[in-house]
Amino acid sequence: MERVTGICWFAALRSCFPILTWLPRYNLTWLKMDLIAGLTVGLTAVPQALAYAEVAGLPVQYGLYSAFMGGFIYCVFGTSKDITLGPTAIMSLLCSAYIGGDPVFAVVLTLLCGVIQAGMALLRLGFLLDFISYPVIKGFTCAAAVTIGFGQVKNILGLKEIPQQFFLQVYYTFHKIPEARAGDVILGLCCLFFLVMLTLMKNSLGSSEDEAPLLIRSTRRLVWSLATIRNALVIIAATAVAYSAEVAGHHFFSLTGKTAKGLPPFKAPPLSETVANGTVITFSDIAKDLGGGLAVIPLMGVLESIAIAKAFASKNNYRIDANQELFAIGLTNIMGSFVSAYPVTGSFGRTAVNSQTGVCSPAGGIVTGVIVLLSLAFLMPLFFYIPKASLAAVIICAVSPMIDFRVPVQLWRVKRLDLLPFLVTFVVSFWEVQYGIVGGVVVSGFMLLYIVARPKVKVSDHGVLLLEPDSGLNFPMTEHLSRLVYKHALHASPARCLVLDCSHVSSIDFTVIHELTELLKQIELRGVSMIFAGLKPSVLKVLLTADLPGFRHTDRVDEALQLLTSINHYEQQF
């Protein structure tokens, strides 16, 4: 008995701390692969974190503040060996709409997001994500990619004072093209060119055959590795060029500028803020200002991360615990708020790099976190010289694959009506990103409710009428069912008997019982019969308890048809 209890306790511990499932099997081979993968992802994460902080409207160091905590927390609580948590393009765009470039708002948002996500995990509310449909997700990601990508054009051109609102941004960007700085344009286009070329090289090498000679395979692996850390290589090269120009006294480029030095202090997140004029903004005021962001950002963060984790779990043949993933993300955000992070989620690009470089366990995230911490500790003074045009090029290349032109075509071929939530989300997101998501979810919800309220009902004539609903009986469809009965049976001349096929009915509610009672009364008044066929035991028990007038039932549809045909034949004879 004690042994069984001990096994149960250990199983519960492994459920809460997934690290216990793989740590006992950890070995030197895994360590080697995790070091390589963690280092590669770290060299990708640092430049992306700097760039995504720009998208969020925060100083660049906040991107790095947000990039290391996930590796340590997720290693203990996460269930996917591949996923990496950190700042992403979509999360940065969503945050920018609510924090207004204020780091205090960003940190409070991180804390509240973490609390909400962890609370959802404890209450098992992950099912809420199921109401965000695929067309809504794709409409949002496509619109976000366009918004983020075009938002960086101003940095490629070296333009100042461009509004954040998308339509104004488009107008003023084209309006101010004559003010573009030649140095930024040339450097930005060169960075874009090299990033695109390295991406194409990596993709072509990834599909190469393994039967080539050893020297060629070694060369391919080297080139593939360099292409994988292309963001870091381009940022280093651009920074070297900008630094050389500044030392020579030439100010050709728009630079990132002054950044905070060193590691962020580990302290409780600020719950209030004092502005320049001495006004104190309380925690409740901050929460009110964040408003809808407290619903949109936690949900989208979890949705993005779990979708990525599931995709790579399927690819690499293992399973994840979605509720545990939700808890790991929530705890990462809670702890991240203690180091001035803004909300994070899973990154598809960095997770792909992690998987392709052969990571064996979540311990690779620890290596990535150490790389980010070393960058914060020793490289912050150099970040002053990073050209904004090079960061813009990194962002544009990172988000461009999110624009998938195949999605509308696929939706058109499969179900054309699904284009409606896709287009609503896509179009409205250019006005306000959060409204696009809400609009798409609302449209999808109405479509779902319509299907529930108006299911297809096949009406066929077998001497008596047969009604075959293709889904269950529920209160939104009762009126629709009644209209069909009246139209085809009670208002016919003469009135006709009918069979209702209930083989798809798994539950029944009071509204349906009430409507069926009224319907059976009208059927009796017109001197005809209605038989329920194929009822499940649980539904039959409810109907018998309800004591419906003139209630008849059979186990099979053919029995009901034969019975009513016999009754009709008998009545015609007498």
Protein backbone atom coordinates (compact mmCIF):
# COMPACT_ATOMS: atom_id res chain seq x y z
CA MET A 1 0.00 0.00 0.00
CA GLU A 2 2.81 2.39 0.91
CA ARG A 3 4.52 1.58 -2.39
CA VAL A 4 1.33 2.40 -4.35
CA THR A 5 1.00 5.68 -2.43
CA GLY A 6 4.62 6.53 -3.21
CA ILE A 7 4.09 5.84 -6.91
CA CYS A 8 1.01 8.09 -6.92
CA TRP A 9 2.94 10.87 -5.20
CA PHE A 10 5.79 10.59 -7.72
CA ALA A 11 3.32 10.64 -10.63
CA ALA A 12 1.72 13.79 -9.19
CA LEU A 13 5.16 15.40 -8.81
CA ARG A 14 6.07 14.54 -12.40
CA SER A 15 2.79 16.08 -13.54
CA CYS A 16 3.57 19.33 -11.70
CA PHE A 17 7.31 19.30 -12.49
CA PRO A 18 7.83 17.73 -15.95
CA ILE A 19 11.60 18.08 -15.52
CA LEU A 20 11.39 14.89 -13.41
CA THR A 21 10.34 12.89 -16.49
CA TRP A 22 13.54 13.57 -18.48
CA LEU A 23 16.21 14.59 -15.95
CA PRO A 24 16.90 11.02 -14.70
CA ARG A 25 17.66 10.00 -18.32
CA TYR A 26 19.91 12.99 -19.05
CA ASN A 27 23.35 12.12 -20.46
CA LEU A 28 26.44 13.65 -22.09
CA THR A 29 25.06 13.25 -25.62
CA TRP A 30 21.97 15.23 -24.67
CA LEU A 31 24.17 17.85 -22.98
CA LYS A 32 26.24 18.30 -26.14
CA MET A 33 23.17 18.70 -28.38
CA ASP A 34 21.47 21.05 -25.91
CA LEU A 35 24.58 23.24 -25.73
CA ILE A 36 24.75 23.52 -29.53
CA ALA A 37 21.01 24.22 -29.86
CA GLY A 38 20.93 26.68 -26.95
CA LEU A 39 23.92 28.61 -28.31
CA THR A 40 22.41 28.78 -31.80
CA VAL A 41 19.02 29.93 -30.51
CA GLY A 42 20.75 32.45 -28.20
CA LEU A 43 22.56 34.04 -31.14
CA THR A 44 19.18 34.29 -32.87
CA ALA A 45 17.28 35.49 -29.80
CA VAL A 46 19.53 38.46 -28.93
CA PRO A 47 19.10 40.45 -32.17
CA GLN A 48 15.42 39.51 -32.41
CA ALA A 49 14.78 40.62 -28.83
CA LEU A 50 16.38 43.99 -29.55
CA ALA A 51 14.28 44.37 -32.68
CA TYR A 52 10.97 43.30 -31.11
CA ALA A 53 11.39 45.81 -28.29
CA GLU A 54 11.27 48.47 -31.02
CA VAL A 55 7.96 47.00 -32.24
CA ALA A 56 6.59 47.15 -28.69
CA GLY A 57 7.65 50.81 -28.47
CA LEU A 58 10.08 50.14 -25.61
CA PRO A 59 13.84 50.78 -25.21
CA VAL A 60 15.79 47.90 -26.77
CA GLN A 61 17.08 46.53 -23.46
CA TYR A 62 13.53 45.51 -22.52
CA GLY A 63 13.61 42.96 -25.32
CA LEU A 64 16.58 41.29 -23.65
CA TYR A 65 14.97 41.60 -20.21
CA SER A 66 12.11 39.54 -21.66
CA ALA A 67 14.25 36.94 -23.43
CA PHE A 68 15.98 34.99 -20.65
CA MET A 69 13.46 34.13 -17.91
CA GLY A 70 11.49 31.74 -20.13
CA GLY A 71 14.48 29.44 -20.61
CA PHE A 72 14.90 28.86 -16.87
CA ILE A 73 11.22 28.56 -15.90
CA TYR A 74 10.16 26.47 -18.88
CA CYS A 75 12.99 23.99 -18.29
CA VAL A 76 11.32 22.99 -15.01
CA PHE A 77 7.62 23.33 -15.85
CA GLY A 78 7.35 22.90 -19.65
CA THR A 79 6.46 19.70 -21.51
CA SER A 80 7.91 20.46 -24.97
CA LYS A 81 11.60 19.88 -25.63
CA ASP A 82 11.58 22.22 -28.64
CA ILE A 83 9.71 25.39 -27.74
CA THR A 84 11.48 28.60 -26.70
CA LEU A 85 9.68 31.38 -24.84
CA GLY A 86 10.51 35.02 -25.36
CA PRO A 87 9.40 38.21 -27.12
CA THR A 88 7.72 37.71 -30.49
CA ALA A 89 6.57 40.01 -33.27
CA ILE A 90 2.85 39.46 -32.65
CA MET A 91 3.07 39.82 -28.87
CA SER A 92 5.15 42.99 -29.28
CA LEU A 93 2.58 44.48 -31.65
CA LEU A 94 -0.28 43.66 -29.26
CA CYS A 95 1.59 45.16 -26.31
CA SER A 96 2.36 48.36 -28.22
CA ALA A 97 -1.38 48.99 -28.55
CA TYR A 98 -1.86 49.04 -24.76
CA ILE A 99 1.33 50.16 -23.02
CA GLY A 100 1.95 53.36 -25.00
CA GLY A 101 5.73 52.96 -24.74
CA ASP A 102 5.62 53.09 -20.93
CA PRO A 103 7.87 50.43 -19.30
CA VAL A 104 5.85 50.49 -16.06
CA PHE A 105 2.65 49.66 -17.95
CA ALA A 106 4.54 46.90 -19.77
CA VAL A 107 5.74 45.30 -16.53
CA VAL A 108 2.31 45.49 -14.87
CA LEU A 109 0.78 43.98 -18.01
CA THR A 110 3.31 41.12 -17.79
CA LEU A 111 2.40 40.44 -14.15
CA LEU A 112 -1.35 40.47 -14.78
CA CYS A 113 -1.00 38.34 -17.91
CA GLY A 114 0.95 35.77 -15.93
CA VAL A 115 -1.61 35.72 -13.12
CA ILE A 116 -4.47 35.31 -15.60
CA GLN A 117 -2.70 32.54 -17.52
CA ALA A 118 -1.68 30.66 -14.37
CA GLY A 119 -5.23 31.07 -13.02
CA MET A 120 -6.66 29.66 -16.26
CA ALA A 121 -4.34 26.66 -15.91
CA LEU A 122 -5.40 26.00 -12.30
CA LEU A 123 -9.09 26.34 -13.23
CA ARG A 124 -8.67 24.20 -16.37
CA LEU A 125 -9.99 26.98 -18.65
CA GLY A 126 -7.78 26.16 -21.61
CA PHE A 127 -10.87 25.11 -23.57
CA LEU A 128 -11.64 28.82 -24.13
CA LEU A 129 -8.90 28.84 -26.76
CA ASP A 130 -11.01 26.47 -28.86
CA PHE A 131 -13.36 29.35 -29.67
CA ILE A 132 -10.66 31.16 -31.65
CA SER A 133 -10.95 29.54 -35.07
CA TYR A 134 -8.20 28.95 -37.62
CA PRO A 135 -9.50 31.64 -40.07
CA VAL A 136 -9.39 34.20 -37.24
CA ILE A 137 -5.83 33.22 -36.29
CA LYS A 138 -4.61 33.37 -39.90
CA GLY A 139 -6.41 36.66 -40.57
CA PHE A 140 -4.79 38.15 -37.50
CA THR A 141 -1.28 36.86 -38.22
CA CYS A 142 -1.39 38.04 -41.84
CA ALA A 143 -2.59 41.51 -40.81
CA ALA A 144 -0.04 41.64 -37.99
CA ALA A 145 2.76 40.73 -40.40
CA VAL A 146 1.76 43.52 -42.79
CA THR A 147 1.39 46.02 -39.93
CA ILE A 148 4.71 45.10 -38.32
CA GLY A 149 6.58 44.90 -41.61
CA PHE A 150 5.35 48.21 -42.95
CA GLY A 151 5.91 49.79 -39.55
CA GLN A 152 9.65 49.18 -40.06
CA VAL A 153 9.81 50.87 -43.45
CA LYS A 154 10.27 54.21 -41.67
CA ASN A 155 13.45 52.88 -40.04
CA ILE A 156 14.75 51.55 -43.36
CA LEU A 157 14.22 55.06 -44.78
CA GLY A 158 15.47 56.85 -41.65
CA LEU A 159 12.23 58.85 -41.26
CA LYS A 160 11.19 60.58 -38.02
CA GLU A 161 7.85 61.47 -36.43
CA ILE A 162 5.72 58.83 -38.18
CA PRO A 163 2.40 58.05 -36.37
CA GLN A 164 1.74 54.55 -35.01
CA GLN A 165 -1.79 54.16 -36.42
CA PHE A 166 -1.48 52.02 -39.57
CA PHE A 167 -3.38 54.17 -42.08
CA LEU A 168 -1.69 57.37 -40.90
CA GLN A 169 1.61 55.50 -40.95
CA VAL A 170 1.12 54.58 -44.60
CA TYR A 171 0.19 58.15 -45.55
CA TYR A 172 3.05 59.88 -43.72
CA THR A 173 5.65 57.30 -44.80
CA PHE A 174 4.95 57.98 -48.47
CA HIS A 175 4.52 61.69 -47.79
CA LYS A 176 7.98 61.93 -46.19
CA ILE A 177 9.92 59.80 -48.67
CA PRO A 178 11.83 62.91 -49.92
CA GLU A 179 13.25 63.18 -46.34
CA ALA A 180 14.77 59.66 -46.46
CA ARG A 181 18.41 59.38 -45.32
CA ALA A 182 20.67 57.81 -47.93
CA GLY A 183 22.84 56.01 -45.35
CA ASP A 184 19.87 54.30 -43.69
CA VAL A 185 18.33 53.32 -47.05
CA ILE A 186 21.55 51.78 -48.39
CA LEU A 187 22.37 49.95 -45.15
CA GLY A 188 18.78 48.73 -44.67
CA LEU A 189 18.52 47.39 -48.22
CA CYS A 190 21.91 45.68 -47.93
CA CYS A 191 20.83 44.01 -44.67
CA LEU A 192 17.58 42.89 -46.29
CA PHE A 193 19.47 41.50 -49.29
CA PHE A 194 21.89 39.47 -47.17
CA LEU A 195 19.15 38.18 -44.86
CA VAL A 196 17.05 37.03 -47.82
CA MET A 197 20.04 35.39 -49.51
CA LEU A 198 21.08 33.57 -46.33
CA THR A 199 17.49 32.43 -45.78
CA LEU A 200 17.31 31.02 -49.31
CA MET A 201 20.67 29.30 -48.81
CA LYS A 202 19.50 27.72 -45.57
CA ASN A 203 16.24 26.50 -47.14
CA SER A 204 18.06 24.97 -50.12
CA LEU A 205 20.66 23.28 -47.93
CA GLY A 206 17.96 21.94 -45.63
CA SER A 207 16.59 19.87 -48.50
CA SER A 208 19.97 18.62 -49.73
CA GLU A 209 20.68 14.90 -49.90
CA ASP A 210 22.91 13.30 -47.26
CA GLU A 211 24.70 11.04 -49.74
CA ALA A 212 27.25 13.70 -50.74
CA PRO A 213 30.98 13.30 -49.86
CA LEU A 214 32.05 14.13 -46.30
CA LEU A 215 33.79 17.40 -47.26
CA ILE A 216 30.73 18.68 -49.08
CA ARG A 217 28.44 17.67 -46.21
CA SER A 218 30.73 19.43 -43.72
CA THR A 219 30.72 22.58 -45.86
CA ARG A 220 26.95 22.46 -46.11
CA ARG A 221 26.60 22.11 -42.34
CA LEU A 222 28.91 25.09 -41.82
CA VAL A 223 27.01 27.26 -44.29
CA TRP A 224 23.69 26.10 -42.79
CA SER A 225 24.90 27.02 -39.29
CA LEU A 226 26.00 30.48 -40.45
CA ALA A 227 22.68 30.98 -42.23
CA THR A 228 20.85 29.97 -39.03
CA ILE A 229 22.52 32.79 -37.05
CA ARG A 230 22.10 35.23 -39.95
CA ASN A 231 20.37 37.81 -37.76
CA ALA A 232 23.35 38.01 -35.41
CA LEU A 233 25.82 38.16 -38.32
CA VAL A 234 23.96 40.99 -40.06
CA ILE A 235 23.56 42.99 -36.82
CA ILE A 236 27.27 42.58 -36.00
CA ALA A 237 28.32 43.65 -39.50
CA ALA A 238 25.94 46.64 -39.55
CA THR A 239 27.07 47.71 -36.07
CA ALA A 240 30.73 47.53 -37.15
CA VAL A 241 29.97 49.73 -40.17
CA ALA A 242 28.03 52.25 -38.07
CA TYR A 243 30.73 52.31 -35.37
CA SER A 244 33.43 52.95 -37.97
CA ALA A 245 31.41 55.83 -39.43
CA GLU A 246 30.78 57.38 -36.00
CA VAL A 247 34.46 57.14 -35.03
CA ALA A 248 35.35 58.86 -38.30
CA GLY A 249 32.90 61.67 -37.45
CA HIS A 250 30.28 60.78 -40.06
CA HIS A 251 26.68 60.44 -38.87
CA PHE A 252 25.26 58.46 -41.77
CA PHE A 253 22.92 56.21 -39.79
CA SER A 254 20.08 56.42 -37.27
CA LEU A 255 21.37 54.53 -34.23
CA THR A 256 19.61 52.75 -31.39
CA GLY A 257 21.20 55.19 -28.96
CA LYS A 258 21.73 55.06 -25.24
CA THR A 259 20.70 51.87 -23.44
CA ALA A 260 20.69 50.89 -19.78
CA LYS A 261 23.84 49.02 -18.77
CA GLY A 262 24.03 45.67 -17.00
CA LEU A 263 21.53 43.12 -15.77
CA PRO A 264 18.03 44.20 -14.73
CA PRO A 265 17.54 44.32 -10.95
CA PHE A 266 15.41 41.53 -9.53
CA LYS A 267 12.66 43.40 -7.69
CA ALA A 268 8.92 43.38 -7.18
CA PRO A 269 7.10 44.83 -10.20
CA PRO A 270 6.00 48.46 -9.75
CA LEU A 271 2.29 48.71 -8.98
CA SER A 272 2.08 52.49 -9.48
CA GLU A 273 3.86 55.22 -11.41
CA THR A 274 4.67 58.86 -10.72
CA VAL A 275 4.72 60.94 -13.92
CA ALA A 276 6.81 64.05 -14.58
CA ASN A 277 4.22 66.49 -13.16
CA GLY A 278 4.05 64.56 -9.89
CA THR A 279 0.75 62.79 -10.57
CA VAL A 280 0.60 59.25 -9.18
CA ILE A 281 -1.00 56.63 -11.44
CA THR A 282 -2.31 53.89 -9.16
CA PHE A 283 -2.44 50.18 -9.91
CA SER A 284 -6.20 50.29 -10.49
CA ASP A 285 -5.76 53.14 -12.98
CA ILE A 286 -3.08 51.18 -14.85
CA ALA A 287 -5.33 48.11 -14.94
CA LYS A 288 -8.22 50.21 -16.29
CA ASP A 289 -5.97 51.71 -18.98
CA LEU A 290 -4.80 48.25 -20.02
CA GLY A 291 -8.48 47.33 -20.43
CA GLY A 292 -9.11 44.75 -23.13
CA GLY A 293 -5.42 43.93 -23.28
CA LEU A 294 -5.91 41.86 -20.11
CA ALA A 295 -8.12 39.51 -22.15
CA VAL A 296 -6.56 39.67 -25.62
CA ILE A 297 -2.86 39.38 -24.72
CA PRO A 298 -3.06 36.40 -22.29
CA LEU A 299 -5.30 34.46 -24.68
CA MET A 300 -3.23 35.20 -27.80
CA GLY A 301 0.00 34.44 -25.93
CA VAL A 302 -1.26 31.04 -24.82
CA LEU A 303 -2.82 30.28 -28.19
CA GLU A 304 0.39 31.05 -30.08
CA SER A 305 2.60 29.07 -27.70
CA ILE A 306 0.42 25.96 -27.44
CA ALA A 307 -0.14 25.86 -31.21
CA ILE A 308 3.65 25.89 -31.75
CA ALA A 309 4.23 23.28 -29.04
CA LYS A 310 1.61 20.96 -30.54
CA ALA A 311 3.04 21.36 -34.05
CA PHE A 312 6.56 20.38 -33.01
CA ALA A 313 5.35 17.63 -30.67
CA SER A 314 3.53 16.06 -33.62
CA LYS A 315 6.59 16.48 -35.85
CA ASN A 316 8.98 14.91 -33.32
CA ASN A 317 6.62 12.20 -32.00
CA TYR A 318 5.92 13.17 -28.40
CA ARG A 319 2.97 14.60 -26.49
CA ILE A 320 2.52 17.81 -24.54
CA ASP A 321 0.20 18.70 -21.68
CA ALA A 322 -1.66 21.83 -22.85
CA ASN A 323 -2.74 22.77 -19.32
CA GLN A 324 0.84 22.44 -18.04
CA GLU A 325 2.02 24.59 -20.96
CA LEU A 326 -0.50 27.23 -19.92
CA PHE A 327 0.85 27.17 -16.36
CA ALA A 328 4.49 27.37 -17.58
CA ILE A 329 3.75 30.44 -19.71
CA GLY A 330 1.84 32.09 -16.87
CA LEU A 331 4.64 31.47 -14.36
CA THR A 332 7.23 32.74 -16.86
CA ASN A 333 5.33 36.02 -17.20
CA ILE A 334 4.87 36.35 -13.43
CA MET A 335 8.59 35.86 -12.81
CA GLY A 336 9.44 37.98 -15.85
CA SER A 337 7.68 40.96 -14.27
CA PHE A 338 10.32 40.85 -11.50
CA VAL A 339 13.04 41.55 -14.09
CA SER A 340 11.15 44.25 -16.04
CA ALA A 341 10.05 41.97 -18.91
CA TYR A 342 7.08 42.54 -21.15
CA PRO A 343 4.70 39.62 -22.00
CA VAL A 344 6.27 36.66 -23.80
CA THR A 345 5.06 33.57 -25.63
CA GLY A 346 6.44 30.79 -27.82
CA SER A 347 8.43 31.85 -30.88
CA PHE A 348 7.87 29.78 -34.01
CA GLY A 349 11.12 30.87 -35.69
CA ARG A 350 13.37 30.22 -32.70
CA THR A 351 11.55 26.96 -31.91
CA ALA A 352 12.19 25.80 -35.48
CA VAL A 353 15.90 26.61 -35.07
CA ASN A 354 15.92 24.76 -31.74
CA SER A 355 14.35 21.66 -33.27
CA GLN A 356 16.52 21.66 -36.41
CA THR A 357 19.75 21.90 -34.43
CA GLY A 358 18.80 18.72 -32.54
CA VAL A 359 17.81 19.90 -29.06
CA CYS A 360 17.16 16.93 -26.77
CA SER A 361 15.49 18.53 -23.74
CA PRO A 362 14.17 21.86 -22.42
CA ALA A 363 17.63 22.38 -20.88
CA GLY A 364 18.65 24.05 -24.16
CA GLY A 365 16.61 27.04 -22.97
CA ILE A 366 19.01 27.49 -20.03
CA VAL A 367 21.91 27.93 -22.47
CA THR A 368 19.86 30.48 -24.45
CA GLY A 369 19.05 32.34 -21.23
CA VAL A 370 22.75 32.45 -20.27
CA ILE A 371 23.65 33.89 -23.70
CA VAL A 372 21.09 36.66 -23.23
CA LEU A 373 22.35 37.39 -19.69
CA LEU A 374 25.95 37.60 -20.93
CA SER A 375 24.84 40.05 -23.63
CA LEU A 376 23.15 42.20 -20.99
CA ALA A 377 26.18 42.06 -18.72
CA PHE A 378 28.92 42.83 -21.24
CA LEU A 379 27.56 44.03 -24.60
CA MET A 380 25.05 46.76 -23.71
CA PRO A 381 27.47 49.66 -24.45
CA LEU A 382 27.94 48.29 -27.98
CA PHE A 383 24.20 48.23 -28.60
CA PHE A 384 24.34 52.03 -28.76
CA TYR A 385 25.80 51.70 -32.26
CA ILE A 386 23.26 49.24 -33.70
CA PRO A 387 21.63 50.96 -36.72
CA LYS A 388 17.83 51.03 -36.58
CA ALA A 389 17.77 50.09 -40.26
CA SER A 390 19.47 46.75 -39.51
CA LEU A 391 16.95 45.94 -36.74
CA ALA A 392 14.15 46.87 -39.15
CA ALA A 393 15.56 44.45 -41.73
CA VAL A 394 15.64 41.66 -39.14
CA ILE A 395 11.98 42.30 -38.22
CA ILE A 396 10.79 42.46 -41.83
CA CYS A 397 12.48 39.15 -42.67
CA ALA A 398 11.13 37.56 -39.47
CA VAL A 399 7.48 38.47 -40.13
CA SER A 400 7.33 38.06 -43.91
CA PRO A 401 6.73 34.25 -43.75
CA MET A 402 3.61 34.96 -41.67
CA ILE A 403 1.92 36.40 -44.79
CA ASP A 404 0.47 33.24 -46.31
CA PHE A 405 -1.31 33.88 -49.62
CA ARG A 406 -2.42 30.24 -49.78
CA VAL A 407 -4.85 30.60 -46.86
CA PRO A 408 -7.67 32.48 -48.70
CA VAL A 409 -7.44 29.99 -51.57
CA GLN A 410 -7.65 27.03 -49.18
CA LEU A 411 -10.61 28.55 -47.33
CA TRP A 412 -12.37 29.19 -50.65
CA ARG A 413 -11.92 25.56 -51.69
CA VAL A 414 -12.94 23.99 -48.37
CA LYS A 415 -15.69 26.29 -47.07
CA ARG A 416 -16.23 29.70 -48.61
CA LEU A 417 -18.12 31.05 -45.62
CA ASP A 418 -14.92 30.75 -43.54
CA LEU A 419 -13.53 33.63 -45.61
CA LEU A 420 -15.87 35.95 -43.70
CA PRO A 421 -14.16 35.75 -40.24
CA PHE A 422 -10.77 35.70 -42.00
CA LEU A 423 -11.51 38.92 -43.92
CA VAL A 424 -13.18 40.64 -40.94
CA THR A 425 -10.17 39.90 -38.74
CA PHE A 426 -7.68 40.86 -41.48
CA VAL A 427 -9.32 44.18 -42.39
CA VAL A 428 -10.31 45.37 -38.89
CA SER A 429 -6.83 44.54 -37.53
CA PHE A 430 -5.42 47.40 -39.61
CA TRP A 431 -7.61 49.76 -37.61
CA GLU A 432 -6.89 48.25 -34.17
CA VAL A 433 -5.31 44.82 -33.76
CA GLN A 434 -7.39 43.87 -30.73
CA TYR A 435 -10.64 44.83 -32.48
CA GLY A 436 -9.69 42.59 -35.38
CA ILE A 437 -9.39 39.58 -33.10
CA VAL A 438 -12.62 40.38 -31.27
CA GLY A 439 -14.46 41.00 -34.55
CA GLY A 440 -13.29 37.71 -36.01
CA VAL A 441 -14.24 35.75 -32.87
CA VAL A 442 -17.70 37.38 -32.82
CA VAL A 443 -18.33 36.54 -36.50
CA SER A 444 -17.11 32.96 -35.95
CA GLY A 445 -19.37 32.71 -32.90
CA PHE A 446 -22.43 33.85 -34.86
CA MET A 447 -21.62 31.33 -37.60
CA LEU A 448 -21.34 28.58 -34.99
CA LEU A 449 -24.61 29.61 -33.33
CA TYR A 450 -26.38 29.64 -36.70
CA ILE A 451 -25.22 26.09 -37.39
CA VAL A 452 -26.53 25.03 -33.96
CA ALA A 453 -29.85 26.87 -34.39
CA ARG A 454 -30.40 25.87 -38.03
CA PRO A 455 -29.03 22.36 -38.57
CA LYS A 456 -29.81 20.51 -41.76
CA VAL A 457 -32.96 18.40 -41.47
CA LYS A 458 -33.60 15.87 -44.22
CA VAL A 459 -37.30 15.44 -44.99
CA SER A 460 -38.24 12.31 -46.92
CA ASP A 461 -41.51 10.55 -47.82
CA HIS A 462 -41.85 6.82 -47.06
CA GLY A 463 -45.63 6.75 -47.13
CA VAL A 464 -45.23 8.65 -43.86
CA LEU A 465 -42.87 11.59 -43.38
CA LEU A 466 -39.38 11.03 -41.95
CA LEU A 467 -37.47 13.95 -40.41
CA GLU A 468 -33.74 13.32 -39.93
CA PRO A 469 -31.84 16.16 -38.14
CA ASP A 470 -28.08 15.90 -38.71
CA SER A 471 -27.34 17.12 -35.17
CA GLY A 472 -28.85 16.98 -31.70
CA LEU A 473 -31.98 18.67 -30.33
CA ASN A 474 -31.22 21.88 -28.41
CA PHE A 475 -33.23 24.94 -27.53
CA PRO A 476 -32.07 27.25 -30.39
CA MET A 477 -33.37 24.78 -33.01
CA THR A 478 -36.79 24.02 -31.48
CA GLU A 479 -38.58 26.76 -33.44
CA HIS A 480 -36.96 25.60 -36.66
CA LEU A 481 -38.06 22.00 -36.04
CA SER A 482 -41.62 23.11 -35.24
CA ARG A 483 -41.85 25.09 -38.49
CA LEU A 484 -40.77 22.04 -40.48
CA VAL A 485 -43.36 19.82 -38.76
CA TYR A 486 -46.13 22.33 -39.40
CA LYS A 487 -45.07 22.90 -43.01
CA HIS A 488 -44.70 19.28 -44.11
CA ALA A 489 -47.15 17.43 -41.80
CA LEU A 490 -49.75 19.51 -39.95
CA HIS A 491 -50.50 22.06 -42.69
CA ALA A 492 -50.63 19.37 -45.39
CA SER A 493 -54.01 18.29 -46.70
CA PRO A 494 -54.72 15.90 -45.18
CA ALA A 495 -52.41 16.08 -42.16
CA ARG A 496 -49.72 13.40 -42.19
CA CYS A 497 -48.07 11.13 -39.67
CA LEU A 498 -44.33 11.49 -39.15
CA VAL A 499 -41.25 9.86 -37.65
CA LEU A 500 -38.54 11.89 -35.94
CA ASP A 501 -35.11 10.23 -36.16
CA CYS A 502 -33.39 10.99 -32.82
CA SER A 503 -30.25 8.91 -33.36
CA HIS A 504 -28.06 12.04 -33.18
CA VAL A 505 -29.69 13.39 -30.00
CA SER A 506 -27.39 12.90 -27.00
CA SER A 507 -29.03 15.35 -24.56
CA ILE A 508 -32.21 17.36 -24.22
CA ASP A 509 -33.19 20.50 -22.29
CA PHE A 510 -36.35 22.00 -20.80
CA THR A 511 -37.04 24.32 -23.75
CA VAL A 512 -37.09 21.33 -26.12
CA ILE A 513 -39.43 19.42 -23.77
CA HIS A 514 -41.80 22.40 -23.67
CA GLU A 515 -41.85 22.77 -27.46
CA LEU A 516 -42.35 19.04 -27.99
CA THR A 517 -45.29 19.08 -25.55
CA GLU A 518 -47.03 21.83 -27.57
CA LEU A 519 -46.20 20.07 -30.84
CA LEU A 520 -47.62 16.71 -29.70
CA LYS A 521 -50.83 18.43 -28.55
CA GLN A 522 -51.30 19.92 -32.04
CA ILE A 523 -50.55 16.55 -33.64
CA GLU A 524 -53.22 14.86 -31.47
CA LEU A 525 -55.76 17.58 -32.34
CA ARG A 526 -55.26 16.87 -36.06
CA GLY A 527 -55.74 13.14 -35.56
CA VAL A 528 -52.26 12.03 -36.69
CA SER A 529 -49.29 10.43 -34.93
CA MET A 530 -45.62 11.16 -34.34
CA ILE A 531 -43.10 8.51 -33.30
CA PHE A 532 -39.60 9.13 -31.89
CA ALA A 533 -37.05 6.61 -33.20
CA GLY A 534 -33.52 5.73 -32.13
CA LEU A 535 -33.59 7.46 -28.74
CA LYS A 536 -30.56 6.99 -26.50
CA PRO A 537 -31.37 5.61 -23.01
CA SER A 538 -30.50 8.86 -21.22
CA VAL A 539 -32.73 10.93 -23.53
CA LEU A 540 -35.57 8.37 -23.37
CA LYS A 541 -35.48 8.50 -19.58
CA VAL A 542 -35.92 12.32 -19.64
CA LEU A 543 -38.79 12.15 -22.13
CA LEU A 544 -40.59 9.46 -20.12
CA THR A 545 -40.17 11.54 -16.97
CA ALA A 546 -41.61 14.59 -18.78
CA ASP A 547 -44.87 12.66 -19.45
CA LEU A 548 -45.36 14.03 -22.96
CA PRO A 549 -48.94 13.71 -24.36
CA GLY A 550 -49.24 10.96 -26.97
CA PHE A 551 -45.54 10.05 -26.69
CA ARG A 552 -44.52 6.96 -28.68
CA HIS A 553 -41.07 5.61 -29.43
CA THR A 554 -39.30 2.73 -31.16
CA ASP A 555 -35.71 1.53 -31.15
CA ARG A 556 -35.25 1.77 -34.92
CA VAL A 557 -36.47 4.07 -37.70
CA ASP A 558 -37.70 1.19 -39.89
CA GLU A 559 -39.88 -0.09 -37.03
CA ALA A 560 -41.48 3.35 -36.67
CA LEU A 561 -42.11 3.61 -40.41
CA GLN A 562 -43.72 0.14 -40.51
CA LEU A 563 -45.90 0.95 -37.49
CA LEU A 564 -47.23 4.21 -38.91
CA THR A 565 -47.71 2.67 -42.36
CA SER A 566 -49.79 -0.09 -40.77
CA ILE A 567 -51.85 2.47 -38.83
CA ASN A 568 -52.49 4.50 -42.01
CA HIS A 569 -53.50 1.36 -43.92
CA TYR A 570 -55.87 0.32 -41.13
CA GLU A 571 -57.51 3.79 -40.98
CA GLN A 572 -57.99 3.83 -44.76
CA GLN A 573 -59.85 0.46 -44.58
CA PHE A 574 -62.21 1.57 -41.80
